[in-house]
Amino acid sequence: MKNRLRLCILWVAAALATAQVRDPLPVPDLPGYRTLKCDFHMHTVFSDGQVWPTLRVLEAWRDGLDAIALTDHIDYQPHKDDVRVDIARPYAMARATAEQLGILLVPAFEIARGDIHFNVLFVTDFDAYRGLDQASALRVARQQNAFVFWNHPGWRRPKAEWLPVVDEYYREKLFQGMELINGPNFYPDAFPWIEEKNLTLVCNTDVHGLTAWEYPNRTRAITLVFASAATLESLKEALLARRTVGWQGENLWGTESYLQGLFQAAVKAESSELRARPGATVSLRLRNDSALPFRVVVRQEKGWLRGVRPVELRGQTTAALPVSIAKEAPGGNHSTDLLLEVTNCHTAPGRNLQVRVPLRITVTQ
């Protein structure tokens, strides 16, 4: 009775705390693709979460997401005295609400072996997994052509390790992706494996309580998926094709082409024609039309054109990037590409995104 009362209080608090106003969370599409904002790791009362499945859909709609997966544990249900154990139930309960709100709901679950956890997405038959151990479940997932990713590779360890059992699964082709970012946690030691092992990068919350409490003010971890259409089929195809970028707070991780595409689609130079005397400092105004944050610093190759300081180009803002004109700068009209490093867009360990912005400068004497 005590547990039931606690759950009821949590459900009521959740309903009251979830404002029904959607954050549009603008993120640009890339040529030929629709950018879907996703979270593929969340829990409800049907495992060790604290909210009802339909609330997860409402939270996702409020936070501007396009697709989610409810990934309750199929082998861990601490609320089983209060909620009927049924691995298919969270998806069944949330599906109608997701369809009503236009949220793509992926049938999914999580399965553990000690501290090694995997999420199975695009489940076609929940019953086929009942009573299976992790290895057997992953083999069924392969038969169902599911998309599987390894969760939080550095969880409960000093650093991420490519463990023997994970290597066995990998060689058997039982998983295709890895969760590089889990909630607030980034696993730097695992970052090289994305390219080395040809894995899909995913970034999720692993939320258990209220999302608004755990991740306020756009700090929610999100996987950006570049799909040909806003459908489950296209979403799955894009994940298998590794067309993703991870976004958590002030940082983004992904391949150079996708990060560059996002930056170029989101950021526009409002003052690309500048005029200044030698020795002066001018400002290049950059407008960010997206919700994505960018931290920009000039890395110019031309000797007389230099950066002054980094600029925080936060979501949906305009910032002035100062550029110094050296005293030895030649007079006249100059056309150049200003080389910028986006220091919060990480394309590989120790390497950040670099972009070029066309610029015209008139140096007066």
Protein backbone atom coordinates (compact mmCIF):
# COMPACT_ATOMS: atom_id res chain seq x y z
CA MET A 1 0.00 0.00 0.00
CA LYS A 2 2.83 2.36 0.87
CA ASN A 3 4.50 1.78 -2.49
CA ARG A 4 1.24 2.30 -4.34
CA LEU A 5 0.69 5.62 -2.57
CA ARG A 6 4.21 6.69 -3.44
CA LEU A 7 3.67 5.87 -7.10
CA CYS A 8 0.34 7.72 -7.15
CA ILE A 9 1.98 10.82 -5.69
CA LEU A 10 4.73 10.64 -8.31
CA TRP A 11 2.18 10.30 -11.13
CA VAL A 12 0.16 13.28 -9.90
CA ALA A 13 3.31 15.38 -9.42
CA ALA A 14 4.46 14.43 -12.89
CA ALA A 15 1.19 15.47 -14.46
CA LEU A 16 1.25 18.81 -12.67
CA ALA A 17 4.94 19.45 -13.43
CA THR A 18 4.75 18.73 -17.15
CA ALA A 19 3.76 21.95 -18.91
CA GLN A 20 1.85 21.30 -22.12
CA VAL A 21 3.77 23.88 -24.15
CA ARG A 22 6.09 22.51 -26.83
CA ASP A 23 9.61 23.83 -27.21
CA PRO A 24 10.11 23.88 -30.99
CA LEU A 25 13.82 23.13 -30.48
CA PRO A 26 14.77 24.16 -34.03
CA VAL A 27 17.50 22.07 -35.62
CA PRO A 28 18.07 22.39 -39.39
CA ASP A 29 17.53 19.59 -41.88
CA LEU A 30 20.41 18.49 -44.09
CA PRO A 31 20.13 18.21 -47.89
CA GLY A 32 18.07 15.13 -48.65
CA TYR A 33 17.39 14.34 -44.99
CA ARG A 34 15.00 15.25 -42.21
CA THR A 35 16.72 15.84 -38.87
CA LEU A 36 14.87 13.86 -36.19
CA LYS A 37 15.49 14.67 -32.52
CA CYS A 38 15.46 11.44 -30.56
CA ASP A 39 15.94 9.80 -27.17
CA PHE A 40 16.34 6.02 -27.27
CA HIS A 41 16.89 5.28 -23.57
CA MET A 42 14.13 5.98 -21.03
CA HIS A 43 12.47 4.11 -18.17
CA THR A 44 8.97 3.97 -16.71
CA VAL A 45 7.32 2.30 -13.70
CA PHE A 46 7.37 -0.95 -15.66
CA SER A 47 11.02 -1.30 -14.65
CA ASP A 48 12.98 1.08 -12.42
CA GLY A 49 11.52 4.39 -13.64
CA GLN A 50 9.16 6.61 -11.69
CA VAL A 51 6.63 7.76 -14.28
CA TRP A 52 3.86 6.30 -16.43
CA PRO A 53 4.65 5.47 -20.11
CA THR A 54 2.25 8.08 -21.51
CA LEU A 55 4.04 10.79 -19.53
CA ARG A 56 7.29 9.99 -21.32
CA VAL A 57 5.53 10.78 -24.59
CA LEU A 58 4.15 14.06 -23.21
CA GLU A 59 7.62 15.04 -21.99
CA ALA A 60 9.14 14.25 -25.37
CA TRP A 61 6.51 16.36 -27.14
CA ARG A 62 7.10 19.24 -24.72
CA ASP A 63 10.89 19.02 -25.25
CA GLY A 64 10.59 19.21 -29.04
CA LEU A 65 11.54 15.61 -29.80
CA ASP A 66 10.42 13.64 -32.84
CA ALA A 67 11.08 10.04 -31.79
CA ILE A 68 11.59 8.10 -28.56
CA ALA A 69 12.00 4.56 -27.27
CA LEU A 70 10.74 3.34 -23.90
CA THR A 71 13.49 0.92 -22.91
CA ASP A 72 12.36 -0.70 -19.69
CA HIS A 73 14.43 -3.59 -18.35
CA ILE A 74 12.98 -6.97 -19.21
CA ASP A 75 14.94 -8.56 -16.37
CA TYR A 76 14.49 -5.99 -13.58
CA GLN A 77 11.09 -4.80 -12.31
CA PRO A 78 11.34 -3.35 -8.78
CA HIS A 79 7.69 -2.17 -8.96
CA LYS A 80 6.31 -5.62 -9.76
CA ASP A 81 4.19 -5.65 -6.57
CA ASP A 82 2.35 -2.60 -7.87
CA VAL A 83 2.54 -2.91 -11.67
CA ARG A 84 1.87 -6.06 -13.69
CA VAL A 85 5.09 -7.36 -15.23
CA ASP A 86 4.73 -7.25 -19.03
CA ILE A 87 7.60 -6.18 -21.29
CA ALA A 88 5.21 -5.24 -24.08
CA ARG A 89 2.95 -3.08 -21.92
CA PRO A 90 4.87 0.26 -21.91
CA TYR A 91 4.85 0.45 -25.71
CA ALA A 92 1.21 -0.65 -25.92
CA MET A 93 0.12 1.97 -23.38
CA ALA A 94 2.05 4.88 -24.93
CA ARG A 95 1.37 4.19 -28.60
CA ALA A 96 -1.97 5.99 -28.91
CA THR A 97 -0.65 9.13 -27.20
CA ALA A 98 2.43 9.11 -29.44
CA GLU A 99 0.31 8.82 -32.57
CA GLN A 100 -1.93 11.66 -31.38
CA LEU A 101 1.05 13.96 -30.77
CA GLY A 102 3.03 12.95 -33.86
CA ILE A 103 5.86 11.31 -31.92
CA LEU A 104 7.51 8.24 -33.45
CA LEU A 105 7.44 5.55 -30.77
CA VAL A 106 9.99 2.76 -31.22
CA PRO A 107 9.14 -0.61 -29.63
CA ALA A 108 12.15 -1.40 -27.45
CA PHE A 109 13.58 -2.76 -24.21
CA GLU A 110 16.84 -3.00 -22.23
CA ILE A 111 18.57 -6.21 -21.19
CA ALA A 112 21.48 -6.53 -18.75
CA ARG A 113 24.27 -8.92 -17.88
CA GLY A 114 25.84 -7.47 -14.75
CA ASP A 115 26.94 -3.96 -15.65
CA ILE A 116 26.84 -4.68 -19.41
CA HIS A 117 23.55 -3.39 -20.81
CA PHE A 118 22.11 -3.26 -24.32
CA ASN A 119 19.03 -1.58 -25.76
CA VAL A 120 17.08 -3.41 -28.45
CA LEU A 121 15.08 -1.14 -30.80
CA PHE A 122 12.42 -1.96 -33.41
CA VAL A 123 11.19 -5.07 -31.63
CA THR A 124 8.69 -6.98 -33.76
CA ASP A 125 7.69 -9.64 -31.20
CA PHE A 126 8.14 -9.00 -27.48
CA ASP A 127 7.04 -12.52 -26.60
CA ALA A 128 10.10 -13.98 -28.34
CA TYR A 129 12.37 -12.50 -25.65
CA ARG A 130 10.61 -13.68 -22.53
CA GLY A 131 12.89 -15.59 -20.16
CA LEU A 132 16.01 -15.26 -22.31
CA ASP A 133 19.50 -14.38 -21.10
CA GLN A 134 21.33 -11.47 -22.72
CA ALA A 135 23.20 -13.41 -25.40
CA SER A 136 20.10 -15.34 -26.45
CA ALA A 137 18.02 -12.15 -26.54
CA LEU A 138 20.58 -10.40 -28.75
CA ARG A 139 20.53 -13.32 -31.16
CA VAL A 140 16.74 -13.08 -31.39
CA ALA A 141 17.14 -9.34 -32.00
CA ARG A 142 19.42 -10.10 -34.93
CA GLN A 143 16.81 -12.50 -36.32
CA GLN A 144 14.19 -9.74 -36.00
CA ASN A 145 16.55 -7.30 -37.77
CA ALA A 146 16.48 -5.01 -34.74
CA PHE A 147 18.89 -2.15 -34.08
CA VAL A 148 20.93 -2.82 -30.93
CA PHE A 149 23.32 -0.52 -29.09
CA TRP A 150 25.63 -0.92 -26.10
CA ASN A 151 24.66 1.34 -23.20
CA HIS A 152 26.94 3.51 -21.00
CA PRO A 153 30.23 1.66 -21.76
CA GLY A 154 32.04 3.23 -18.80
CA TRP A 155 29.31 2.68 -16.20
CA ARG A 156 30.57 1.51 -12.80
CA ARG A 157 34.15 1.43 -14.12
CA PRO A 158 37.08 3.87 -13.83
CA LYS A 159 37.06 4.10 -17.64
CA ALA A 160 35.35 2.52 -20.61
CA GLU A 161 36.74 -0.90 -21.58
CA TRP A 162 36.16 -3.01 -24.67
CA LEU A 163 35.26 -6.06 -22.60
CA PRO A 164 35.71 -9.68 -23.77
CA VAL A 165 31.97 -10.41 -23.75
CA VAL A 166 31.30 -7.20 -25.71
CA ASP A 167 33.94 -8.25 -28.22
CA GLU A 168 32.23 -11.65 -28.58
CA TYR A 169 28.91 -9.94 -29.30
CA TYR A 170 30.61 -7.57 -31.74
CA ARG A 171 32.28 -10.38 -33.68
CA GLU A 172 28.92 -12.15 -33.84
CA LYS A 173 27.39 -8.89 -35.17
CA LEU A 174 24.84 -8.73 -32.37
CA PHE A 175 24.96 -4.93 -31.96
CA GLN A 176 25.45 -1.96 -34.28
CA GLY A 177 25.71 1.12 -32.06
CA MET A 178 27.13 2.51 -28.83
CA GLU A 179 25.87 5.08 -26.37
CA LEU A 180 28.74 7.56 -26.25
CA ILE A 181 26.76 9.95 -24.04
CA ASN A 182 24.43 8.72 -21.30
CA GLY A 183 22.65 11.54 -19.49
CA PRO A 184 25.38 13.92 -18.29
CA ASN A 185 28.13 11.33 -18.82
CA PHE A 186 30.51 11.30 -21.79
CA TYR A 187 32.89 8.36 -22.24
CA PRO A 188 36.07 9.76 -23.86
CA ASP A 189 37.90 6.42 -23.79
CA ALA A 190 35.10 4.92 -25.88
CA PHE A 191 35.04 7.71 -28.48
CA PRO A 192 37.66 6.09 -30.78
CA TRP A 193 35.57 2.91 -31.02
CA ILE A 194 32.86 4.72 -33.00
CA GLU A 195 35.08 4.84 -36.09
CA GLU A 196 37.33 1.87 -35.32
CA LYS A 197 34.39 -0.50 -34.92
CA ASN A 198 32.07 1.19 -37.43
CA LEU A 199 29.42 1.81 -34.76
CA THR A 200 26.49 4.20 -34.75
CA LEU A 201 26.85 6.99 -32.20
CA VAL A 202 23.84 7.51 -29.93
CA CYS A 203 23.24 10.00 -27.14
CA ASN A 204 20.40 9.50 -24.64
CA THR A 205 19.08 10.54 -21.24
CA ASP A 206 18.54 7.16 -19.53
CA VAL A 207 15.98 9.16 -17.57
CA HIS A 208 14.21 7.51 -14.62
CA GLY A 209 12.46 10.41 -12.89
CA LEU A 210 10.82 13.51 -14.33
CA THR A 211 12.76 14.72 -17.35
CA ALA A 212 12.14 18.38 -16.49
CA TRP A 213 13.76 17.87 -13.09
CA GLU A 214 16.71 15.82 -14.29
CA TYR A 215 17.37 17.86 -17.47
CA PRO A 216 16.17 21.47 -17.23
CA ASN A 217 16.79 24.24 -19.78
CA ARG A 218 17.62 22.20 -22.90
CA THR A 219 20.26 20.05 -21.19
CA ARG A 220 18.54 16.84 -22.26
CA ALA A 221 20.83 14.42 -24.12
CA ILE A 222 19.57 13.92 -27.69
CA THR A 223 20.48 11.82 -30.73
CA LEU A 224 20.07 13.75 -33.97
CA VAL A 225 19.19 11.25 -36.71
CA PHE A 226 19.28 12.22 -40.39
CA ALA A 227 16.45 10.22 -41.94
CA SER A 228 14.95 10.37 -45.40
CA ALA A 229 11.48 10.78 -43.86
CA ALA A 230 9.78 11.00 -40.46
CA THR A 231 8.84 7.33 -40.34
CA LEU A 232 9.94 4.36 -38.25
CA GLU A 233 11.30 2.65 -41.35
CA SER A 234 13.43 5.67 -42.32
CA LEU A 235 14.57 6.13 -38.71
CA LYS A 236 15.78 2.54 -38.55
CA GLU A 237 17.54 2.82 -41.92
CA ALA A 238 19.34 5.98 -40.81
CA LEU A 239 20.51 4.38 -37.56
CA LEU A 240 21.85 1.36 -39.40
CA ALA A 241 23.57 3.72 -41.86
CA ARG A 242 25.22 5.62 -38.95
CA ARG A 243 23.70 9.01 -39.85
CA THR A 244 23.68 10.50 -36.35
CA VAL A 245 25.07 13.29 -34.19
CA GLY A 246 25.06 13.33 -30.39
CA TRP A 247 24.01 16.51 -28.60
CA GLN A 248 24.29 17.01 -24.86
CA GLY A 249 24.20 20.45 -23.28
CA GLU A 250 26.94 22.59 -24.81
CA ASN A 251 28.61 19.87 -26.89
CA LEU A 252 28.03 17.90 -30.08
CA TRP A 253 29.76 14.75 -31.33
CA GLY A 254 29.66 13.25 -34.81
CA THR A 255 31.31 12.89 -38.19
CA GLU A 256 32.68 16.02 -39.83
CA SER A 257 30.22 16.03 -42.74
CA TYR A 258 27.11 16.00 -40.52
CA LEU A 259 28.44 18.55 -38.03
CA GLN A 260 29.55 20.83 -40.86
CA GLY A 261 26.15 20.51 -42.49
CA LEU A 262 24.41 21.48 -39.27
CA PHE A 263 26.68 24.50 -38.73
CA GLN A 264 26.35 25.79 -42.27
CA ALA A 265 22.57 25.39 -42.22
CA ALA A 266 22.20 27.02 -38.80
CA VAL A 267 24.72 29.89 -38.88
CA LYS A 268 24.63 32.87 -41.22
CA ALA A 269 27.07 35.80 -41.45
CA GLU A 270 25.08 39.02 -41.20
CA SER A 271 28.09 41.25 -41.94
CA SER A 272 30.28 39.41 -44.41
CA GLU A 273 31.57 42.68 -45.95
CA LEU A 274 33.84 44.53 -43.52
CA ARG A 275 35.76 47.81 -43.72
CA ALA A 276 38.60 48.83 -41.41
CA ARG A 277 41.94 50.57 -41.09
CA PRO A 278 45.15 48.62 -40.41
CA GLY A 279 45.49 47.95 -36.69
CA ALA A 280 41.74 48.11 -36.07
CA THR A 281 39.35 45.42 -34.86
CA VAL A 282 36.10 44.73 -36.67
CA SER A 283 33.20 42.47 -35.78
CA LEU A 284 31.74 39.72 -37.91
CA ARG A 285 28.13 39.24 -36.84
CA LEU A 286 27.05 35.60 -36.84
CA ARG A 287 23.38 34.64 -36.46
CA ASN A 288 22.43 31.21 -35.19
CA ASP A 289 18.88 30.30 -36.20
CA SER A 290 18.98 26.89 -34.51
CA ALA A 291 18.78 25.68 -30.91
CA LEU A 292 22.27 24.19 -31.25
CA PRO A 293 25.10 25.97 -29.41
CA PHE A 294 28.41 26.74 -31.13
CA ARG A 295 31.69 27.92 -29.59
CA VAL A 296 33.70 29.67 -32.31
CA VAL A 297 37.31 30.84 -32.53
CA VAL A 298 39.22 32.22 -35.54
CA ARG A 299 42.02 30.00 -36.88
CA GLN A 300 42.97 32.17 -39.83
CA GLU A 301 45.86 31.27 -42.09
CA LYS A 302 46.31 34.78 -43.57
CA GLY A 303 48.92 36.53 -41.46
CA TRP A 304 47.32 39.98 -41.19
CA LEU A 305 43.83 38.73 -40.30
CA ARG A 306 43.65 37.42 -36.74
CA GLY A 307 41.17 36.29 -34.16
CA VAL A 308 40.82 38.16 -30.90
CA ARG A 309 38.86 35.82 -28.61
CA PRO A 310 36.40 32.91 -28.79
CA VAL A 311 32.68 33.64 -29.06
CA GLU A 312 29.77 31.72 -27.57
CA LEU A 313 27.11 31.51 -30.27
CA ARG A 314 24.22 30.17 -28.25
CA GLY A 315 21.02 28.84 -29.69
CA GLN A 316 18.84 31.37 -31.54
CA THR A 317 21.14 34.33 -30.89
CA THR A 318 23.46 36.68 -32.78
CA ALA A 319 27.04 37.22 -31.63
CA ALA A 320 29.86 39.51 -32.74
CA LEU A 321 33.08 37.69 -33.59
CA PRO A 322 35.98 40.16 -33.28
CA VAL A 323 38.63 40.06 -36.00
CA SER A 324 41.86 42.05 -35.79
CA ILE A 325 43.40 43.70 -38.87
CA ALA A 326 47.20 43.79 -38.49
CA LYS A 327 49.08 47.06 -39.03
CA GLU A 328 50.94 45.57 -42.00
CA ALA A 329 47.70 44.65 -43.77
CA PRO A 330 47.77 45.69 -47.45
CA GLY A 331 45.22 48.26 -48.54
CA GLY A 332 42.41 47.55 -50.94
CA ASN A 333 39.63 45.02 -51.34
CA HIS A 334 40.24 41.43 -50.26
CA SER A 335 38.09 38.30 -50.60
CA THR A 336 38.93 35.40 -48.34
CA ASP A 337 37.50 32.49 -46.43
CA LEU A 338 37.71 33.04 -42.69
CA LEU A 339 38.80 29.76 -41.08
CA LEU A 340 36.90 29.02 -37.87
CA GLU A 341 37.24 26.21 -35.35
CA VAL A 342 34.00 25.18 -33.62
CA THR A 343 35.51 23.94 -30.40
CA ASN A 344 32.38 22.29 -28.99
CA CYS A 345 31.74 20.19 -32.13
CA HIS A 346 33.90 17.09 -31.78
CA THR A 347 34.60 15.05 -34.93
CA ALA A 348 37.10 12.65 -33.33
CA PRO A 349 39.19 12.40 -30.14
CA GLY A 350 41.21 15.61 -29.93
CA ARG A 351 39.78 17.00 -33.16
CA ASN A 352 37.09 19.66 -33.59
CA LEU A 353 35.07 20.90 -36.53
CA GLN A 354 36.64 23.52 -38.82
CA VAL A 355 34.53 25.62 -41.17
CA ARG A 356 35.19 28.45 -43.62
CA VAL A 357 33.06 31.58 -43.84
CA PRO A 358 33.34 33.74 -47.02
CA LEU A 359 34.47 37.25 -46.15
CA ARG A 360 35.15 40.50 -48.03
CA ILE A 361 37.37 43.08 -46.30
CA THR A 362 38.23 46.57 -47.47
CA VAL A 363 41.41 47.80 -45.80
CA THR A 364 41.51 51.59 -45.90
CA GLN A 365 44.70 53.65 -45.57
